[in-house]
Amino acid sequence: ASIKVNGYNPPCRIAGAMLAKRAGMADSQMGGLAFAKAA
């Protein structure tokens, strides 16, 4: 199999909020904002 890269995937708050929820962070919305910066 072969995959062609189409580009970078910028971090978004939606994925960040889910990450924060799964990681047990107290505030998923703030976690989403933190993810956008940290990633």
All heavy atoms as atom14 arrays in JSON, in Angstrom:
{
  "sequence": "ASIKVNGYNPPCRIAGAMLAKRAGMADSQMGGLAFAKAA",
  "atom14_mask": [
    [1, 1, 1, 1, 1, 0, 0, 0, 0, 0, 0, 0, 0, 0],
    [1, 1, 1, 1, 1, 1, 0, 0, 0, 0, 0, 0, 0, 0],
    [1, 1, 1, 1, 1, 1, 1, 1, 0, 0, 0, 0, 0, 0],
    [1, 1, 1, 1, 1, 1, 1, 1, 1, 0, 0, 0, 0, 0],
    [1, 1, 1, 1, 1, 1, 1, 0, 0, 0, 0, 0, 0, 0],
    [1, 1, 1, 1, 1, 1, 1, 1, 0, 0, 0, 0, 0, 0],
    [1, 1, 1, 1, 0, 0, 0, 0, 0, 0, 0, 0, 0, 0],
    [1, 1, 1, 1, 1, 1, 1, 1, 1, 1, 1, 1, 0, 0],
    [1, 1, 1, 1, 1, 1, 1, 1, 0, 0, 0, 0, 0, 0],
    [1, 1, 1, 1, 1, 1, 1, 0, 0, 0, 0, 0, 0, 0],
    [1, 1, 1, 1, 1, 1, 1, 0, 0, 0, 0, 0, 0, 0],
    [1, 1, 1, 1, 1, 1, 0, 0, 0, 0, 0, 0, 0, 0],
    [1, 1, 1, 1, 1, 1, 1, 1, 1, 1, 1, 0, 0, 0],
    [1, 1, 1, 1, 1, 1, 1, 1, 0, 0, 0, 0, 0, 0],
    [1, 1, 1, 1, 1, 0, 0, 0, 0, 0, 0, 0, 0, 0],
    [1, 1, 1, 1, 0, 0, 0, 0, 0, 0, 0, 0, 0, 0],
    [1, 1, 1, 1, 1, 0, 0, 0, 0, 0, 0, 0, 0, 0],
    [1, 1, 1, 1, 1, 1, 1, 1, 0, 0, 0, 0, 0, 0],
    [1, 1, 1, 1, 1, 1, 1, 1, 0, 0, 0, 0, 0, 0],
    [1, 1, 1, 1, 1, 0, 0, 0, 0, 0, 0, 0, 0, 0],
    [1, 1, 1, 1, 1, 1, 1, 1, 1, 0, 0, 0, 0, 0],
    [1, 1, 1, 1, 1, 1, 1, 1, 1, 1, 1, 0, 0, 0],
    [1, 1, 1, 1, 1, 0, 0, 0, 0, 0, 0, 0, 0, 0],
    [1, 1, 1, 1, 0, 0, 0, 0, 0, 0, 0, 0, 0, 0],
    [1, 1, 1, 1, 1, 1, 1, 1, 0, 0, 0, 0, 0, 0],
    [1, 1, 1, 1, 1, 0, 0, 0, 0, 0, 0, 0, 0, 0],
    [1, 1, 1, 1, 1, 1, 1, 1, 0, 0, 0, 0, 0, 0],
    [1, 1, 1, 1, 1, 1, 0, 0, 0, 0, 0, 0, 0, 0],
    [1, 1, 1, 1, 1, 1, 1, 1, 1, 0, 0, 0, 0, 0],
    [1, 1, 1, 1, 1, 1, 1, 1, 0, 0, 0, 0, 0, 0],
    [1, 1, 1, 1, 0, 0, 0, 0, 0, 0, 0, 0, 0, 0],
    [1, 1, 1, 1, 0, 0, 0, 0, 0, 0, 0, 0, 0, 0],
    [1, 1, 1, 1, 1, 1, 1, 1, 0, 0, 0, 0, 0, 0],
    [1, 1, 1, 1, 1, 0, 0, 0, 0, 0, 0, 0, 0, 0],
    [1, 1, 1, 1, 1, 1, 1, 1, 1, 1, 1, 0, 0, 0],
    [1, 1, 1, 1, 1, 0, 0, 0, 0, 0, 0, 0, 0, 0],
    [1, 1, 1, 1, 1, 1, 1, 1, 1, 0, 0, 0, 0, 0],
    [1, 1, 1, 1, 1, 0, 0, 0, 0, 0, 0, 0, 0, 0],
    [1, 1, 1, 1, 1, 0, 0, 0, 0, 0, 0, 0, 0, 0]
  ],
  "atom14_positions": [
    [[0.83, -1.2, 0.0], [0.0, 0.0, 0.0], [0.86, 1.25, 0.0], [2.02, 1.23, 0.44], [-0.92, 0.01, 1.22], [0.0, 0.0, 0.0], [0.0, 0.0, 0.0], [0.0, 0.0, 0.0], [0.0, 0.0, 0.0], [0.0, 0.0, 0.0], [0.0, 0.0, 0.0], [0.0, 0.0, 0.0], [0.0, 0.0, 0.0], [0.0, 0.0, 0.0]],
    [[0.29, 2.35, -0.49], [1.01, 3.61, -0.52], [0.05, 4.76, -0.23], [-1.08, 4.77, -0.72], [1.68, 3.82, -1.88], [2.41, 5.03, -1.91], [0.0, 0.0, 0.0], [0.0, 0.0, 0.0], [0.0, 0.0, 0.0], [0.0, 0.0, 0.0], [0.0, 0.0, 0.0], [0.0, 0.0, 0.0], [0.0, 0.0, 0.0], [0.0, 0.0, 0.0]],
    [[0.5, 5.7, 0.59], [-0.3, 6.88, 0.95], [0.46, 8.13, 0.54], [1.67, 8.24, 0.79], [-0.58, 6.9, 2.46], [-1.51, 5.74, 2.85], [-1.2, 8.23, 2.88], [-1.68, 5.57, 4.35], [0.0, 0.0, 0.0], [0.0, 0.0, 0.0], [0.0, 0.0, 0.0], [0.0, 0.0, 0.0], [0.0, 0.0, 0.0], [0.0, 0.0, 0.0]],
    [[-0.23, 9.06, -0.08], [0.38, 10.35, -0.43], [-0.01, 11.39, 0.61], [-1.19, 11.55, 0.94], [-0.05, 10.81, -1.82], [0.51, 12.2, -2.18], [0.29, 12.54, -3.63], [1.34, 11.86, -4.52], [1.28, 12.34, -5.91], [0.0, 0.0, 0.0], [0.0, 0.0, 0.0], [0.0, 0.0, 0.0], [0.0, 0.0, 0.0], [0.0, 0.0, 0.0]],
    [[0.98, 12.08, 1.14], [0.74, 13.15, 2.11], [0.17, 14.36, 1.38], [0.72, 14.82, 0.38], [2.04, 13.53, 2.84], [1.85, 14.79, 3.68], [2.54, 12.38, 3.7], [0.0, 0.0, 0.0], [0.0, 0.0, 0.0], [0.0, 0.0, 0.0], [0.0, 0.0, 0.0], [0.0, 0.0, 0.0], [0.0, 0.0, 0.0], [0.0, 0.0, 0.0]],
    [[-0.95, 14.87, 1.9], [-1.55, 16.07, 1.31], [-1.29, 17.33, 2.1], [-1.52, 18.43, 1.61], [-3.07, 15.87, 1.16], [-3.39, 14.84, 0.09], [-2.75, 14.79, -0.95], [-4.36, 13.99, 0.35], [0.0, 0.0, 0.0], [0.0, 0.0, 0.0], [0.0, 0.0, 0.0], [0.0, 0.0, 0.0], [0.0, 0.0, 0.0], [0.0, 0.0, 0.0]],
    [[-0.79, 17.18, 3.32], [-0.44, 18.37, 4.08], [-0.47, 18.15, 5.58], [-0.81, 17.07, 6.09], [0.0, 0.0, 0.0], [0.0, 0.0, 0.0], [0.0, 0.0, 0.0], [0.0, 0.0, 0.0], [0.0, 0.0, 0.0], [0.0, 0.0, 0.0], [0.0, 0.0, 0.0], [0.0, 0.0, 0.0], [0.0, 0.0, 0.0], [0.0, 0.0, 0.0]],
    [[-0.11, 19.2, 6.27], [-0.12, 19.23, 7.73], [-1.56, 19.29, 8.23], [-2.43, 19.85, 7.56], [0.67, 20.46, 8.2], [0.61, 20.74, 9.68], [1.08, 19.82, 10.61], [0.07, 21.95, 10.14], [1.03, 20.09, 11.97], [0.02, 22.22, 11.5], [0.49, 21.29, 12.41], [0.42, 21.55, 13.75], [0.0, 0.0, 0.0], [0.0, 0.0, 0.0]],
    [[-1.81, 18.71, 9.38], [-3.15, 18.68, 9.97], [-3.19, 19.59, 11.2], [-2.85, 19.14, 12.3], [-3.53, 17.24, 10.36], [-4.97, 17.1, 10.75], [-5.8, 17.96, 10.45], [-5.3, 16.0, 11.41], [0.0, 0.0, 0.0], [0.0, 0.0, 0.0], [0.0, 0.0, 0.0], [0.0, 0.0, 0.0], [0.0, 0.0, 0.0], [0.0, 0.0, 0.0]],
    [[-3.58, 20.84, 11.05], [-3.55, 21.77, 12.19], [-4.43, 21.3, 13.33], [-5.51, 20.74, 13.1], [-4.08, 23.08, 11.59], [-3.9, 22.95, 10.12], [-4.07, 21.49, 9.83], [0.0, 0.0, 0.0], [0.0, 0.0, 0.0], [0.0, 0.0, 0.0], [0.0, 0.0, 0.0], [0.0, 0.0, 0.0], [0.0, 0.0, 0.0], [0.0, 0.0, 0.0]],
    [[-4.0, 21.5, 14.58], [-4.82, 21.08, 15.73], [-6.08, 21.93, 15.84], [-6.05, 23.13, 15.59], [-3.89, 21.31, 16.93], [-2.92, 22.35, 16.46], [-2.72, 22.11, 15.0], [0.0, 0.0, 0.0], [0.0, 0.0, 0.0], [0.0, 0.0, 0.0], [0.0, 0.0, 0.0], [0.0, 0.0, 0.0], [0.0, 0.0, 0.0], [0.0, 0.0, 0.0]],
    [[-7.18, 21.28, 16.2], [-8.44, 22.01, 16.36], [-8.98, 21.8, 17.77], [-8.63, 20.83, 18.45], [-9.47, 21.58, 15.32], [-10.1, 19.91, 15.55], [0.0, 0.0, 0.0], [0.0, 0.0, 0.0], [0.0, 0.0, 0.0], [0.0, 0.0, 0.0], [0.0, 0.0, 0.0], [0.0, 0.0, 0.0], [0.0, 0.0, 0.0], [0.0, 0.0, 0.0]],
    [[-9.85, 22.69, 18.2], [-10.4, 22.63, 19.56], [-11.33, 21.44, 19.77], [-11.47, 20.95, 20.88], [-11.13, 23.94, 19.87], [-10.17, 25.12, 20.09], [-10.93, 26.38, 20.39], [-11.67, 26.87, 19.23], [-12.48, 27.92, 19.24], [-12.67, 28.58, 20.36], [-13.08, 28.3, 18.14], [0.0, 0.0, 0.0], [0.0, 0.0, 0.0], [0.0, 0.0, 0.0]],
    [[-11.98, 20.97, 18.68], [-12.9, 19.84, 18.82], [-12.13, 18.58, 19.22], [-12.5, 17.88, 20.18], [-13.67, 19.62, 17.51], [-14.56, 20.83, 17.22], [-14.5, 18.34, 17.6], [-15.26, 20.77, 15.89], [0.0, 0.0, 0.0], [0.0, 0.0, 0.0], [0.0, 0.0, 0.0], [0.0, 0.0, 0.0], [0.0, 0.0, 0.0], [0.0, 0.0, 0.0]],
    [[-11.04, 18.29, 18.48], [-10.21, 17.15, 18.84], [-9.58, 17.36, 20.21], [-9.47, 16.42, 21.01], [-9.14, 16.93, 17.78], [0.0, 0.0, 0.0], [0.0, 0.0, 0.0], [0.0, 0.0, 0.0], [0.0, 0.0, 0.0], [0.0, 0.0, 0.0], [0.0, 0.0, 0.0], [0.0, 0.0, 0.0], [0.0, 0.0, 0.0], [0.0, 0.0, 0.0]],
    [[-9.19, 18.61, 20.49], [-8.59, 18.91, 21.78], [-9.54, 18.7, 22.94], [-9.16, 18.22, 24.01], [0.0, 0.0, 0.0], [0.0, 0.0, 0.0], [0.0, 0.0, 0.0], [0.0, 0.0, 0.0], [0.0, 0.0, 0.0], [0.0, 0.0, 0.0], [0.0, 0.0, 0.0], [0.0, 0.0, 0.0], [0.0, 0.0, 0.0], [0.0, 0.0, 0.0]],
    [[-10.82, 19.04, 22.73], [-11.82, 18.85, 23.78], [-12.03, 17.37, 24.07], [-12.19, 16.96, 25.22], [-13.13, 19.51, 23.38], [0.0, 0.0, 0.0], [0.0, 0.0, 0.0], [0.0, 0.0, 0.0], [0.0, 0.0, 0.0], [0.0, 0.0, 0.0], [0.0, 0.0, 0.0], [0.0, 0.0, 0.0], [0.0, 0.0, 0.0], [0.0, 0.0, 0.0]],
    [[-12.04, 16.54, 23.01], [-12.17, 15.1, 23.21], [-10.95, 14.54, 23.95], [-11.08, 13.72, 24.86], [-12.34, 14.39, 21.87], [-12.49, 12.87, 21.98], [-13.96, 12.37, 22.9], [-15.22, 12.7, 21.65], [0.0, 0.0, 0.0], [0.0, 0.0, 0.0], [0.0, 0.0, 0.0], [0.0, 0.0, 0.0], [0.0, 0.0, 0.0], [0.0, 0.0, 0.0]],
    [[-9.78, 15.0, 23.55], [-8.55, 14.58, 24.23], [-8.62, 14.93, 25.71], [-8.31, 14.1, 26.58], [-7.36, 15.27, 23.57], [-5.94, 14.95, 24.08], [-4.92, 15.29, 23.0], [-5.6, 15.73, 25.33], [0.0, 0.0, 0.0], [0.0, 0.0, 0.0], [0.0, 0.0, 0.0], [0.0, 0.0, 0.0], [0.0, 0.0, 0.0], [0.0, 0.0, 0.0]],
    [[-9.03, 16.16, 26.0], [-9.11, 16.62, 27.39], [-10.08, 15.77, 28.19], [-9.82, 15.41, 29.34], [-9.52, 18.08, 27.43], [0.0, 0.0, 0.0], [0.0, 0.0, 0.0], [0.0, 0.0, 0.0], [0.0, 0.0, 0.0], [0.0, 0.0, 0.0], [0.0, 0.0, 0.0], [0.0, 0.0, 0.0], [0.0, 0.0, 0.0], [0.0, 0.0, 0.0]],
    [[-11.21, 15.42, 27.56], [-12.21, 14.58, 28.23], [-11.63, 13.2, 28.53], [-11.76, 12.69, 29.65], [-13.44, 14.46, 27.34], [-14.54, 13.59, 27.91], [-15.72, 13.52, 26.95], [-16.82, 12.59, 27.48], [-17.96, 12.52, 26.52], [0.0, 0.0, 0.0], [0.0, 0.0, 0.0], [0.0, 0.0, 0.0], [0.0, 0.0, 0.0], [0.0, 0.0, 0.0]],
    [[-10.99, 12.58, 27.53], [-10.44, 11.24, 27.73], [-9.27, 11.23, 28.71], [-9.03, 10.23, 29.4], [-9.98, 10.67, 26.39], [-11.1, 10.47, 25.36], [-12.2, 9.6, 25.9], [-13.22, 9.32, 24.9], [-14.47, 9.0, 25.18], [-14.86, 8.92, 26.44], [-15.34, 8.76, 24.22], [0.0, 0.0, 0.0], [0.0, 0.0, 0.0], [0.0, 0.0, 0.0]],
    [[-8.55, 12.34, 28.77], [-7.4, 12.43, 29.67], [-7.82, 12.78, 31.09], [-6.99, 12.82, 32.0], [-6.41, 13.46, 29.15], [0.0, 0.0, 0.0], [0.0, 0.0, 0.0], [0.0, 0.0, 0.0], [0.0, 0.0, 0.0], [0.0, 0.0, 0.0], [0.0, 0.0, 0.0], [0.0, 0.0, 0.0], [0.0, 0.0, 0.0], [0.0, 0.0, 0.0]],
    [[-9.12, 13.07, 31.29], [-9.62, 13.37, 32.63], [-9.39, 14.8, 33.08], [-9.41, 15.08, 34.29], [0.0, 0.0, 0.0], [0.0, 0.0, 0.0], [0.0, 0.0, 0.0], [0.0, 0.0, 0.0], [0.0, 0.0, 0.0], [0.0, 0.0, 0.0], [0.0, 0.0, 0.0], [0.0, 0.0, 0.0], [0.0, 0.0, 0.0], [0.0, 0.0, 0.0]],
    [[-9.2, 15.72, 32.13], [-9.01, 17.12, 32.49], [-10.34, 17.7, 32.98], [-11.41, 17.35, 32.49], [-8.48, 17.91, 31.3], [-7.11, 17.43, 30.81], [-6.5, 18.31, 29.35], [-6.18, 19.95, 30.05], [0.0, 0.0, 0.0], [0.0, 0.0, 0.0], [0.0, 0.0, 0.0], [0.0, 0.0, 0.0], [0.0, 0.0, 0.0], [0.0, 0.0, 0.0]],
    [[-10.27, 18.62, 33.93], [-11.47, 19.16, 34.56], [-12.33, 19.96, 33.59], [-13.56, 19.91, 33.65], [-11.08, 20.02, 35.76], [0.0, 0.0, 0.0], [0.0, 0.0, 0.0], [0.0, 0.0, 0.0], [0.0, 0.0, 0.0], [0.0, 0.0, 0.0], [0.0, 0.0, 0.0], [0.0, 0.0, 0.0], [0.0, 0.0, 0.0], [0.0, 0.0, 0.0]],
    [[-11.71, 20.71, 32.7], [-12.43, 21.58, 31.77], [-12.05, 21.19, 30.34], [-10.96, 21.52, 29.87], [-12.07, 23.04, 32.05], [-12.94, 24.03, 31.28], [-13.39, 23.68, 30.16], [-13.16, 25.15, 31.77], [0.0, 0.0, 0.0], [0.0, 0.0, 0.0], [0.0, 0.0, 0.0], [0.0, 0.0, 0.0], [0.0, 0.0, 0.0], [0.0, 0.0, 0.0]],
    [[-12.94, 20.5, 29.64], [-12.62, 20.02, 28.29], [-12.48, 21.16, 27.29], [-11.69, 21.07, 26.36], [-13.68, 19.02, 27.81], [-14.95, 19.64, 27.74], [0.0, 0.0, 0.0], [0.0, 0.0, 0.0], [0.0, 0.0, 0.0], [0.0, 0.0, 0.0], [0.0, 0.0, 0.0], [0.0, 0.0, 0.0], [0.0, 0.0, 0.0], [0.0, 0.0, 0.0]],
    [[-13.24, 22.24, 27.49], [-13.15, 23.37, 26.56], [-11.8, 24.08, 26.69], [-11.15, 24.41, 25.69], [-14.29, 24.36, 26.8], [-15.68, 23.77, 26.52], [-15.79, 23.2, 25.12], [-15.41, 23.85, 24.14], [-16.3, 21.98, 25.02], [0.0, 0.0, 0.0], [0.0, 0.0, 0.0], [0.0, 0.0, 0.0], [0.0, 0.0, 0.0], [0.0, 0.0, 0.0]],
    [[-11.37, 24.29, 27.92], [-10.04, 24.88, 28.13], [-8.96, 23.92, 27.68], [-7.93, 24.33, 27.15], [-9.86, 25.24, 29.62], [-10.7, 26.41, 30.08], [-10.37, 27.93, 29.14], [-8.65, 28.24, 29.62], [0.0, 0.0, 0.0], [0.0, 0.0, 0.0], [0.0, 0.0, 0.0], [0.0, 0.0, 0.0], [0.0, 0.0, 0.0], [0.0, 0.0, 0.0]],
    [[-9.21, 22.61, 27.85], [-8.26, 21.61, 27.37], [-8.12, 21.66, 25.87], [-7.03, 21.49, 25.32], [0.0, 0.0, 0.0], [0.0, 0.0, 0.0], [0.0, 0.0, 0.0], [0.0, 0.0, 0.0], [0.0, 0.0, 0.0], [0.0, 0.0, 0.0], [0.0, 0.0, 0.0], [0.0, 0.0, 0.0], [0.0, 0.0, 0.0], [0.0, 0.0, 0.0]],
    [[-9.24, 21.92, 25.18], [-9.21, 22.05, 23.73], [-8.37, 23.22, 23.28], [-7.6, 23.12, 22.32], [0.0, 0.0, 0.0], [0.0, 0.0, 0.0], [0.0, 0.0, 0.0], [0.0, 0.0, 0.0], [0.0, 0.0, 0.0], [0.0, 0.0, 0.0], [0.0, 0.0, 0.0], [0.0, 0.0, 0.0], [0.0, 0.0, 0.0], [0.0, 0.0, 0.0]],
    [[-8.49, 24.33, 23.98], [-7.67, 25.51, 23.66], [-6.2, 25.23, 23.94], [-5.32, 25.63, 23.18], [-8.15, 26.71, 24.47], [-9.53, 27.26, 24.12], [-9.96, 28.31, 25.13], [-9.53, 27.85, 22.71], [0.0, 0.0, 0.0], [0.0, 0.0, 0.0], [0.0, 0.0, 0.0], [0.0, 0.0, 0.0], [0.0, 0.0, 0.0], [0.0, 0.0, 0.0]],
    [[-5.94, 24.52, 25.03], [-4.55, 24.19, 25.39], [-3.94, 23.27, 24.33], [-2.77, 23.41, 23.98], [-4.51, 23.54, 26.76], [0.0, 0.0, 0.0], [0.0, 0.0, 0.0], [0.0, 0.0, 0.0], [0.0, 0.0, 0.0], [0.0, 0.0, 0.0], [0.0, 0.0, 0.0], [0.0, 0.0, 0.0], [0.0, 0.0, 0.0], [0.0, 0.0, 0.0]],
    [[-4.74, 22.33, 23.83], [-4.25, 21.41, 22.81], [-3.87, 22.16, 21.54], [-2.84, 21.88, 20.93], [-5.33, 20.38, 22.49], [-5.03, 19.51, 21.3], [-4.03, 18.54, 21.35], [-5.74, 19.65, 20.11], [-3.74, 17.74, 20.25], [-5.47, 18.86, 19.01], [-4.46, 17.9, 19.08], [0.0, 0.0, 0.0], [0.0, 0.0, 0.0], [0.0, 0.0, 0.0]],
    [[-4.7, 23.11, 21.12], [-4.42, 23.87, 19.91], [-3.06, 24.56, 19.98], [-2.34, 24.67, 18.98], [-5.53, 24.9, 19.67], [0.0, 0.0, 0.0], [0.0, 0.0, 0.0], [0.0, 0.0, 0.0], [0.0, 0.0, 0.0], [0.0, 0.0, 0.0], [0.0, 0.0, 0.0], [0.0, 0.0, 0.0], [0.0, 0.0, 0.0], [0.0, 0.0, 0.0]],
    [[-2.69, 25.0, 21.16], [-1.38, 25.66, 21.36], [-0.26, 24.63, 21.52], [0.8, 24.74, 20.9], [-1.44, 26.56, 22.59], [-0.15, 27.31, 22.87], [-0.3, 28.23, 24.07], [1.0, 28.98, 24.35], [0.86, 29.88, 25.53], [0.0, 0.0, 0.0], [0.0, 0.0, 0.0], [0.0, 0.0, 0.0], [0.0, 0.0, 0.0], [0.0, 0.0, 0.0]],
    [[-0.51, 23.6, 22.32], [0.53, 22.61, 22.64], [0.9, 21.75, 21.44], [2.02, 21.23, 21.36], [0.07, 21.73, 23.79], [0.0, 0.0, 0.0], [0.0, 0.0, 0.0], [0.0, 0.0, 0.0], [0.0, 0.0, 0.0], [0.0, 0.0, 0.0], [0.0, 0.0, 0.0], [0.0, 0.0, 0.0], [0.0, 0.0, 0.0], [0.0, 0.0, 0.0]],
    [[-0.04, 21.57, 20.51], [0.17, 20.66, 19.38], [0.61, 21.37, 18.1], [0.69, 20.74, 17.04], [-1.1, 19.87, 19.1], [0.0, 0.0, 0.0], [0.0, 0.0, 0.0], [0.0, 0.0, 0.0], [0.0, 0.0, 0.0], [0.0, 0.0, 0.0], [0.0, 0.0, 0.0], [0.0, 0.0, 0.0], [0.0, 0.0, 0.0], [0.0, 0.0, 0.0]]
  ]
}
